[in-house]
Protein backbone atom coordinates (compact mmCIF):
# COMPACT_ATOMS: atom_id res chain seq x y z
CA UNK A 1 140.19 -37.29 -163.47
CA UNK A 2 140.45 -38.11 -159.77
CA UNK A 3 141.62 -34.54 -158.95
CA UNK A 4 138.61 -32.98 -160.74
CA UNK A 5 136.24 -35.36 -158.96
CA UNK A 6 137.82 -34.50 -155.51
CA UNK A 7 137.50 -30.81 -156.09
CA UNK A 8 133.64 -31.11 -156.94
CA UNK A 9 132.90 -32.59 -153.40
CA UNK A 10 131.52 -30.06 -150.87
CA UNK A 11 133.56 -29.52 -147.72
CA UNK A 12 131.79 -30.58 -144.46
CA UNK A 13 133.30 -29.33 -141.21
CA UNK A 14 133.58 -32.03 -138.57
CA UNK A 15 134.05 -29.72 -135.61
CA UNK A 16 132.09 -26.55 -134.44
CA UNK A 17 133.57 -23.12 -134.85
CA UNK A 18 134.53 -21.81 -131.38
CA UNK A 19 131.89 -19.59 -129.93
CA UNK A 20 132.73 -15.91 -130.37
CA UNK A 21 132.04 -13.39 -127.54
CA UNK A 22 129.03 -11.11 -128.01
CA UNK A 23 129.73 -7.48 -128.95
CA UNK A 24 130.53 -5.29 -126.01
CA UNK A 25 127.50 -3.12 -126.77
CA UNK A 26 125.15 -6.10 -126.48
CA UNK A 27 126.08 -7.49 -123.12
CA UNK A 28 126.90 -6.37 -119.52
CA UNK A 29 126.68 -2.83 -118.25
CA UNK A 30 126.91 -1.22 -121.62
CA UNK A 31 123.73 -3.04 -122.78
CA UNK A 32 121.93 -2.19 -119.58
CA UNK A 33 122.86 1.52 -119.94
CA UNK A 34 121.66 1.61 -123.57
CA UNK A 35 118.32 -0.14 -122.80
CA UNK A 36 117.47 1.62 -119.48
CA UNK A 37 119.09 5.01 -119.45
CA UNK A 38 120.01 6.10 -123.01
CA UNK A 39 117.36 4.18 -125.19
CA UNK A 40 116.07 7.43 -126.67
CA UNK A 41 117.06 10.95 -126.82
CA UNK A 42 114.53 12.14 -124.18
CA UNK A 43 115.60 9.23 -121.89
CA UNK A 44 119.26 10.37 -122.36
CA UNK A 45 118.44 13.97 -121.55
CA UNK A 46 116.42 12.91 -118.36
CA UNK A 47 119.32 10.66 -117.28
CA UNK A 48 121.89 13.43 -117.56
CA UNK A 49 119.68 15.78 -115.82
CA UNK A 50 118.93 13.24 -113.00
CA UNK A 51 122.78 12.60 -112.66
CA UNK A 52 123.36 16.33 -112.29
CA UNK A 53 120.70 16.68 -109.50
CA UNK A 54 122.17 13.56 -107.75
CA UNK A 55 125.59 15.04 -107.93
CA UNK A 56 124.44 18.42 -106.59
CA UNK A 57 122.57 16.76 -103.67
CA UNK A 58 125.44 14.32 -102.79
CA UNK A 59 128.02 16.97 -103.14
CA UNK A 60 126.26 19.14 -100.53
CA UNK A 61 125.22 16.46 -98.10
CA UNK A 62 128.09 13.85 -98.08
CA UNK A 63 130.68 16.30 -96.66
CA UNK A 64 128.23 17.40 -94.05
CA UNK A 65 127.57 13.83 -93.07
CA UNK A 66 131.12 12.48 -93.27
CA UNK A 67 132.46 15.34 -91.28
CA UNK A 68 129.91 14.79 -88.50
CA UNK A 69 130.75 14.82 -84.81
CA UNK A 70 129.61 11.97 -82.79
CA UNK A 71 131.19 12.71 -79.38
CA UNK A 72 130.20 15.98 -77.73
CA UNK A 73 128.02 17.11 -74.90
CA UNK A 74 126.33 20.13 -76.51
CA UNK A 75 125.84 22.04 -79.81
CA UNK A 76 128.40 24.58 -78.67
CA UNK A 77 130.98 21.84 -78.14
CA UNK A 78 130.18 20.50 -81.53
CA UNK A 79 130.84 23.82 -83.13
CA UNK A 80 134.13 24.18 -81.33
CA UNK A 81 135.26 20.79 -82.68
CA UNK A 82 134.18 21.64 -86.20
CA UNK A 83 135.91 25.08 -86.02
CA UNK A 84 133.70 26.69 -88.68
CA UNK A 85 133.77 23.74 -91.14
CA UNK A 86 130.53 22.16 -92.36
CA UNK A 87 129.47 19.05 -90.39
CA UNK A 88 126.65 17.43 -88.60
CA UNK A 89 126.28 17.37 -84.86
CA UNK A 90 125.40 13.64 -84.58
CA UNK A 91 126.37 13.71 -80.86
CA UNK A 92 122.85 14.58 -80.07
CA UNK A 93 121.82 11.14 -81.21
CA UNK A 94 124.43 9.35 -79.05
CA UNK A 95 123.70 11.58 -76.02
CA UNK A 96 119.89 11.45 -76.25
CA UNK A 97 119.53 7.97 -77.69
CA UNK A 98 117.63 6.61 -74.71
CA UNK A 99 115.13 9.41 -74.88
CA UNK A 100 114.57 9.11 -78.55
CA UNK A 101 113.91 5.31 -78.15
CA UNK A 102 112.21 5.07 -74.70
CA UNK A 103 111.15 8.65 -73.87
CA UNK A 104 112.38 10.83 -71.03
CA UNK A 105 110.39 9.47 -68.28
CA UNK A 106 110.62 5.69 -68.65
CA UNK A 107 112.91 4.40 -65.81
CA UNK A 108 116.35 3.79 -67.18
CA UNK A 109 116.79 0.85 -65.01
CA UNK A 110 113.81 -0.85 -66.74
CA UNK A 111 114.97 -0.37 -70.42
CA UNK A 112 115.44 -4.15 -70.60
CA UNK A 113 111.72 -4.66 -70.32
CA UNK A 114 110.62 -3.01 -73.60
CA UNK A 115 113.76 -4.42 -75.21
CA UNK A 116 112.76 -7.92 -74.22
CA UNK A 117 109.19 -7.28 -75.35
CA UNK A 118 110.57 -6.27 -78.82
CA UNK A 119 112.52 -9.43 -79.08
CA UNK A 120 109.51 -11.45 -78.11
CA UNK A 121 107.49 -9.54 -80.75
CA UNK A 122 109.90 -10.71 -83.51
CA UNK A 123 109.36 -14.28 -82.35
CA UNK A 124 105.56 -13.89 -82.14
CA UNK A 125 104.97 -12.36 -85.59
CA UNK A 126 107.17 -14.77 -87.35
CA UNK A 127 104.57 -17.59 -87.76
CA UNK A 128 102.05 -15.00 -88.85
CA UNK A 129 104.14 -13.34 -91.60
CA UNK A 130 105.96 -16.60 -92.75
CA UNK A 131 103.41 -19.36 -92.77
CA UNK A 132 105.77 -22.11 -93.59
CA UNK A 133 107.03 -22.10 -90.00
CA UNK A 134 105.57 -24.71 -87.50
CA UNK A 135 102.16 -23.86 -86.34
CA UNK A 136 103.27 -24.51 -82.69
CA UNK A 137 104.93 -21.13 -82.70
CA UNK A 138 101.38 -19.52 -82.79
CA UNK A 139 101.40 -20.14 -79.05
CA UNK A 140 103.90 -17.31 -78.75
CA UNK A 141 101.70 -15.20 -80.96
CA UNK A 142 98.66 -15.70 -78.74
CA UNK A 143 100.65 -14.97 -75.55
CA UNK A 144 102.62 -11.97 -76.89
CA UNK A 145 100.07 -9.22 -76.31
CA UNK A 146 99.54 -10.17 -72.67
CA UNK A 147 103.17 -10.76 -71.85
CA UNK A 148 104.29 -7.50 -73.63
CA UNK A 149 101.69 -5.50 -71.72
CA UNK A 150 102.93 -6.85 -68.50
CA UNK A 151 106.57 -6.26 -69.43
CA UNK A 152 106.20 -2.65 -70.66
CA UNK A 153 103.60 -1.48 -68.14
CA UNK A 154 104.51 -3.66 -65.21
CA UNK A 155 102.29 -3.82 -62.15
CA UNK A 156 100.20 -6.88 -61.30
CA UNK A 157 100.11 -9.71 -63.74
CA UNK A 158 96.40 -10.31 -62.99
CA UNK A 159 95.51 -7.61 -65.50
CA UNK A 160 97.14 -9.63 -68.27
CA UNK A 161 95.45 -12.82 -66.96
CA UNK A 162 91.90 -11.19 -66.99
CA UNK A 163 92.62 -9.79 -70.42
CA UNK A 164 93.46 -13.16 -71.67
CA UNK A 165 90.19 -14.44 -70.09
CA UNK A 166 88.27 -11.66 -71.85
CA UNK A 167 89.67 -12.74 -75.30
CA UNK A 168 88.93 -16.37 -74.49
CA UNK A 169 85.32 -15.38 -73.69
CA UNK A 170 85.11 -13.43 -76.97
CA UNK A 171 86.31 -16.42 -78.90
CA UNK A 172 83.72 -18.71 -77.28
CA UNK A 173 80.83 -16.29 -78.10
CA UNK A 174 82.22 -15.70 -81.57
CA UNK A 175 82.40 -19.35 -82.40
CA UNK A 176 78.76 -19.80 -81.27
CA UNK A 177 77.29 -17.01 -83.21
CA UNK A 178 79.44 -16.83 -86.33
CA UNK A 179 77.38 -19.68 -87.92
CA UNK A 180 74.43 -17.22 -88.25
CA UNK A 181 76.43 -14.13 -89.28
CA UNK A 182 80.03 -13.13 -89.16
CA UNK A 183 79.46 -9.65 -88.05
CA UNK A 184 76.96 -10.82 -85.34
CA UNK A 185 79.58 -13.23 -83.99
CA UNK A 186 82.36 -10.62 -84.12
CA UNK A 187 80.36 -8.01 -82.26
CA UNK A 188 79.04 -10.51 -79.82
CA UNK A 189 82.46 -11.54 -79.03
CA UNK A 190 83.58 -7.94 -78.53
CA UNK A 191 80.62 -7.48 -76.08
CA UNK A 192 81.67 -10.58 -74.18
CA UNK A 193 85.22 -9.30 -73.88
CA UNK A 194 84.04 -6.01 -72.56
CA UNK A 195 81.94 -7.58 -69.85
CA UNK A 196 84.84 -9.59 -68.56
CA UNK A 197 87.13 -6.48 -68.55
CA UNK A 198 84.53 -4.53 -66.56
CA UNK A 199 84.37 -7.41 -64.05
CA UNK A 200 88.19 -7.35 -63.86
CA UNK A 201 88.26 -3.58 -63.25
CA UNK A 202 86.55 -4.44 -59.76
CA UNK A 203 88.25 -7.72 -59.05
CA UNK A 204 91.92 -6.94 -59.87
CA UNK A 205 92.34 -4.12 -57.32
CA UNK A 206 91.15 -6.39 -54.56
CA UNK A 207 93.50 -9.29 -55.34
CA UNK A 208 96.53 -7.37 -56.68
CA UNK A 209 99.61 -7.67 -54.38
CA UNK A 210 101.02 -4.51 -52.82
CA UNK A 211 104.43 -5.03 -54.23
CA UNK A 212 104.23 -6.42 -57.80
CA UNK A 213 107.10 -8.30 -59.42
CA UNK A 214 107.60 -5.55 -61.97
CA UNK A 215 107.52 -1.79 -61.17
CA UNK A 216 104.43 -0.17 -62.60
CA UNK A 217 105.03 2.39 -65.27
CA UNK A 218 102.15 4.87 -66.16
CA UNK A 219 101.31 5.30 -69.80
CA UNK A 220 102.24 9.01 -69.49
CA UNK A 221 105.85 7.83 -69.01
CA UNK A 222 105.89 5.92 -72.30
CA UNK A 223 107.53 7.84 -75.10
CA UNK A 224 110.01 7.90 -77.98
CA UNK A 225 109.94 5.54 -80.91
CA UNK A 226 108.76 2.85 -78.53
CA UNK A 227 105.45 4.65 -78.30
CA UNK A 228 105.14 4.84 -82.07
CA UNK A 229 105.91 1.15 -82.38
CA UNK A 230 103.36 0.24 -79.72
CA UNK A 231 100.63 2.30 -81.33
CA UNK A 232 101.37 1.05 -84.81
CA UNK A 233 101.45 -2.63 -83.90
CA UNK A 234 98.49 -2.48 -81.61
CA UNK A 235 96.23 -0.45 -84.05
CA UNK A 236 97.17 -2.48 -87.11
CA UNK A 237 96.58 -5.72 -85.32
CA UNK A 238 93.07 -4.57 -84.09
CA UNK A 239 91.98 -2.67 -87.20
CA UNK A 240 92.34 -5.57 -89.70
CA UNK A 241 89.85 -7.91 -87.99
CA UNK A 242 87.53 -4.97 -87.16
CA UNK A 243 87.78 -3.82 -90.83
CA UNK A 244 86.93 -7.34 -92.05
CA UNK A 245 83.90 -7.38 -89.70
CA UNK A 246 82.72 -3.93 -91.01
CA UNK A 247 83.21 -4.88 -94.54
CA UNK A 248 81.05 -8.02 -94.07
CA UNK A 249 78.62 -6.21 -91.90
CA UNK A 250 78.13 -3.62 -94.75
CA UNK A 251 77.01 -6.56 -96.95
CA UNK A 252 74.92 -8.25 -94.33
CA UNK A 253 71.33 -9.04 -94.99
CA UNK A 254 70.37 -7.71 -91.55
CA UNK A 255 69.33 -4.10 -92.09
CA UNK A 256 70.31 -2.92 -88.59
CA UNK A 257 73.88 -4.32 -88.71
CA UNK A 258 74.23 -3.17 -92.31
CA UNK A 259 73.32 0.47 -91.59
CA UNK A 260 75.35 0.64 -88.34
CA UNK A 261 78.38 -0.34 -90.39
CA UNK A 262 77.62 1.99 -93.21
CA UNK A 263 77.12 4.97 -90.92
CA UNK A 264 80.29 4.12 -88.97
CA UNK A 265 82.51 3.84 -92.08
CA UNK A 266 81.26 6.87 -93.77
CA UNK A 267 81.40 8.99 -90.64
CA UNK A 268 84.84 7.97 -89.64
CA UNK A 269 86.25 8.35 -93.12
CA UNK A 270 84.81 11.89 -93.32
CA UNK A 271 86.60 13.08 -90.18
CA UNK A 272 90.36 13.95 -89.98
CA UNK A 273 92.44 11.75 -87.74
CA UNK A 274 93.72 14.74 -85.77
CA UNK A 275 90.10 15.60 -84.86
CA UNK A 276 89.57 12.02 -83.52
CA UNK A 277 92.80 12.32 -81.47
CA UNK A 278 91.46 15.46 -79.87
CA UNK A 279 88.27 13.73 -79.12
CA UNK A 280 90.28 10.86 -77.55
CA UNK A 281 92.23 13.24 -75.46
CA UNK A 282 89.29 15.43 -74.26
CA UNK A 283 85.87 13.92 -74.81
CA UNK A 284 86.13 10.08 -74.93
CA UNK A 285 86.63 9.77 -71.15
CA UNK A 286 83.04 11.07 -70.65
CA UNK A 287 81.62 7.94 -72.37
CA UNK A 288 82.98 5.68 -69.58
CA UNK A 289 81.72 5.34 -66.04
CA UNK A 290 82.56 8.33 -63.86
CA UNK A 291 84.46 6.27 -61.30
CA UNK A 292 86.77 4.75 -64.11
CA UNK A 293 89.82 6.46 -65.15
CA UNK A 294 90.39 5.54 -68.86
CA UNK A 295 94.00 5.58 -69.82
CA UNK A 296 94.96 8.04 -72.59
CA UNK A 297 96.93 5.45 -74.42
CA UNK A 298 93.83 3.28 -74.55
CA UNK A 299 91.70 6.17 -75.80
CA UNK A 300 94.21 6.90 -78.59
CA UNK A 301 94.41 3.22 -79.52
CA UNK A 302 90.55 3.15 -79.83
CA UNK A 303 90.42 6.20 -82.06
CA UNK A 304 93.26 5.23 -84.39
CA UNK A 305 91.92 1.62 -84.68
CA UNK A 306 88.42 3.03 -85.58
CA UNK A 307 89.96 5.39 -88.17
CA UNK A 308 92.12 2.75 -89.87
CA UNK A 309 89.47 0.03 -89.62
CA UNK A 310 87.02 2.18 -91.69
CA UNK A 311 89.54 2.54 -94.46
CA UNK A 312 90.51 -1.18 -94.37
CA UNK A 313 86.79 -2.04 -94.50
CA UNK A 314 86.51 -0.23 -97.77
CA UNK A 315 89.56 -1.96 -99.14
CA UNK A 316 88.24 -5.38 -98.28
CA UNK A 317 84.89 -4.51 -99.74
CA UNK A 318 86.56 -3.77 -102.92
CA UNK A 319 88.20 -7.19 -102.74
CA UNK A 320 84.89 -8.83 -102.07
CA UNK A 321 83.21 -7.10 -104.97
CA UNK A 322 85.96 -8.15 -107.29
CA UNK A 323 85.15 -11.79 -106.72
CA UNK A 324 82.86 -13.42 -109.30
CA UNK A 325 79.39 -14.42 -108.25
CA UNK A 326 80.34 -17.95 -109.05
CA UNK A 327 82.53 -18.22 -105.96
CA UNK A 328 79.46 -17.53 -103.69
CA UNK A 329 77.41 -20.06 -105.66
CA UNK A 330 80.15 -22.68 -105.41
CA UNK A 331 80.20 -22.32 -101.61
CA UNK A 332 76.44 -22.80 -101.50
CA UNK A 333 76.70 -25.77 -103.80
CA UNK A 334 79.07 -27.36 -101.30
CA UNK A 335 76.63 -26.95 -98.48
CA UNK A 336 78.78 -24.57 -96.54
CA UNK A 337 77.22 -22.20 -94.06
CA UNK A 338 78.01 -18.53 -94.03
CA UNK A 339 80.95 -18.77 -91.60
CA UNK A 340 82.54 -21.64 -93.54
CA UNK A 341 82.08 -20.09 -96.91
CA UNK A 342 83.65 -16.83 -95.73
CA UNK A 343 86.47 -18.60 -93.98
CA UNK A 344 87.32 -21.18 -96.60
CA UNK A 345 86.47 -19.67 -99.92
CA UNK A 346 85.55 -15.97 -99.94
CA UNK A 347 87.73 -14.14 -97.47
CA UNK A 348 90.98 -15.88 -98.53
CA UNK A 349 90.62 -14.68 -102.07
CA UNK A 350 89.26 -11.30 -101.13
CA UNK A 351 92.20 -10.72 -98.74
CA UNK A 352 94.73 -11.70 -101.40
CA UNK A 353 93.23 -9.06 -103.78
CA UNK A 354 93.24 -6.51 -101.00
CA UNK A 355 96.92 -6.94 -99.91
CA UNK A 356 98.19 -3.80 -101.57
CA UNK A 357 95.38 -1.61 -100.16
CA UNK A 358 95.74 -3.13 -96.69
CA UNK A 359 99.49 -2.49 -96.70
CA UNK A 360 98.91 1.06 -97.84
CA UNK A 361 96.63 1.74 -94.99
CA UNK A 362 99.02 -0.01 -92.53
CA UNK A 363 102.00 2.13 -93.72
CA UNK A 364 99.88 5.30 -93.50
CA UNK A 365 98.59 4.42 -90.00
CA UNK A 366 102.21 3.78 -88.75
CA UNK A 367 103.25 7.19 -89.90
CA UNK A 368 100.11 8.86 -88.62
CA UNK A 369 101.13 7.79 -85.11
CA UNK A 370 103.33 10.84 -84.99
CA UNK A 371 100.16 12.90 -84.74
CA UNK A 372 99.84 12.01 -81.10
CA UNK A 373 102.52 14.68 -80.35
CA UNK A 374 99.77 17.29 -80.81
CA UNK A 375 97.97 15.86 -77.71
CA UNK A 376 101.04 15.94 -75.55
CA UNK A 377 102.14 12.39 -76.04
CA UNK A 378 105.89 12.36 -76.33
CA UNK A 379 106.58 9.94 -79.17
CA UNK A 380 109.80 10.41 -81.24
CA UNK A 381 108.54 13.61 -82.84
CA UNK A 382 107.18 14.79 -79.54
CA UNK A 383 110.61 14.21 -77.90
CA UNK A 384 112.40 16.13 -80.63
CA UNK A 385 109.99 19.12 -80.61
CA UNK A 386 109.72 19.13 -76.85
CA UNK A 387 112.39 18.15 -74.25
CA UNK A 388 115.37 17.80 -76.64
CA UNK A 389 115.12 21.06 -78.59
CA UNK A 390 113.83 22.86 -75.48
CA UNK A 391 117.12 22.13 -73.72
CA UNK A 392 119.84 24.74 -73.90
CA UNK A 393 122.41 22.08 -74.86
CA UNK A 394 120.83 21.11 -78.13
CA UNK A 395 118.62 24.00 -79.05
CA UNK A 396 119.29 24.48 -82.79
CA UNK A 397 119.86 20.90 -83.78
CA UNK A 398 117.19 20.06 -86.34
CA UNK A 399 118.35 18.18 -89.38
CA UNK A 400 120.26 15.37 -87.36
CA UNK A 401 117.18 14.75 -85.24
CA UNK A 402 114.56 14.86 -87.92
CA UNK A 403 116.79 12.85 -90.25
CA UNK A 404 117.06 10.09 -87.72
CA UNK A 405 113.29 10.04 -87.27
CA UNK A 406 112.84 9.89 -91.11
CA UNK A 407 115.36 7.05 -91.20
CA UNK A 408 113.67 4.75 -88.56
CA UNK A 409 110.27 5.27 -90.10
CA UNK A 410 111.62 4.48 -93.53
CA UNK A 411 113.19 1.30 -92.37
CA UNK A 412 109.92 0.01 -90.92
CA UNK A 413 107.73 1.24 -93.74
CA UNK A 414 109.98 -0.09 -96.41
CA UNK A 415 110.20 -3.45 -94.77
CA UNK A 416 106.38 -3.69 -94.72
CA UNK A 417 106.29 -2.77 -98.40
CA UNK A 418 108.86 -5.28 -99.33
CA UNK A 419 107.11 -8.00 -97.33
CA UNK A 420 103.85 -7.24 -98.96
CA UNK A 421 105.40 -7.64 -102.36
CA UNK A 422 106.94 -10.90 -101.34
CA UNK A 423 103.58 -12.03 -100.04
CA UNK A 424 101.86 -11.15 -103.30
CA UNK A 425 104.44 -13.17 -105.28
CA UNK A 426 104.04 -16.08 -102.89
CA UNK A 427 100.27 -16.11 -103.12
CA UNK A 428 100.31 -15.46 -106.87
CA UNK A 429 97.52 -12.85 -106.60
CA UNK A 430 97.71 -12.07 -110.32
CA UNK A 431 96.69 -15.71 -111.14
CA UNK A 432 93.37 -16.03 -109.56
């Protein structure tokens, strides 16, 4: 009787069964391949075709790259070393490295100056890009444009001092007028800065020392990738605030300011950049006083900045239009004036929405700096097409030089793109 009763009691396990590993097809690389590359028959066909194309490209280019020659004085010497085998002549990069970076006229003894300015730039943009850093570092950001100008161009330091005074005057005028209208304050500040700079053009020659601390380098002597970086950084930095002013001016209640901004934006967006560069090279000097010689670099900066500012203005206008009307009403209910509402409520949200568009314009602007080669400015493309390929030593080397130009532009543009994606995630733009 006791045995029958014992057999009728259900068995209860007191310990858990050891966890078994998942099937090999459900974890690890196999799972990733099944879900991403071979999920369906069309995906599998495209994957195989893509792998074939990748193999074809790498099988042709990798031997050429790995068999490259880095130490030679001419293309003929590279061919002698290769002895008929396939290989790149990377020696042109090592031999012409200073020209590709600094141009062929910048004094070789002064290369440390733009290198120091570049290092200073990394320190100056850090508190702007990564806003968790101490705000005290913004002092370097404010001083950077004036210090970098003096380092790269040299000459008297009074030019940088008066330029700083011009921006200080612009800020004072802007702060006084911005309460009435943002666009009015912005353009009033620009006018104040221009007046100070005109005064400086007459004062600086009288007080400048005969032998400045740094050797003066004309803008015509700037070149290489340094010129592309200078144009890109300067024009992006200037076009963003100008684009904001144009976007707000287009929505202004003052008809004169509104229509000036509308005509400017529509006209500039309807003209190719290369046409504006030719205008900067040939015609823009006629708009300045006859006794003033306007530097070509400055003229190009003005035109590229105007061009990119018009596109940024439309991007920001789209961000402003995307904000609900309640945001403007909320600012009014708090008793904020126009400048406070824009600075504290409207613009922060509009700029967050506009980040992808602004980055797209900035990347395009940086790549478009290569167009200055058509007006005889020797940027990195101008150096390749001009002095380097024109020399008898390296005539015929194309892929190595142009590939290097592609690489350096890709590094900068990809970094900008990745930073913008990080900034979007940080600001949570999709959770407004």
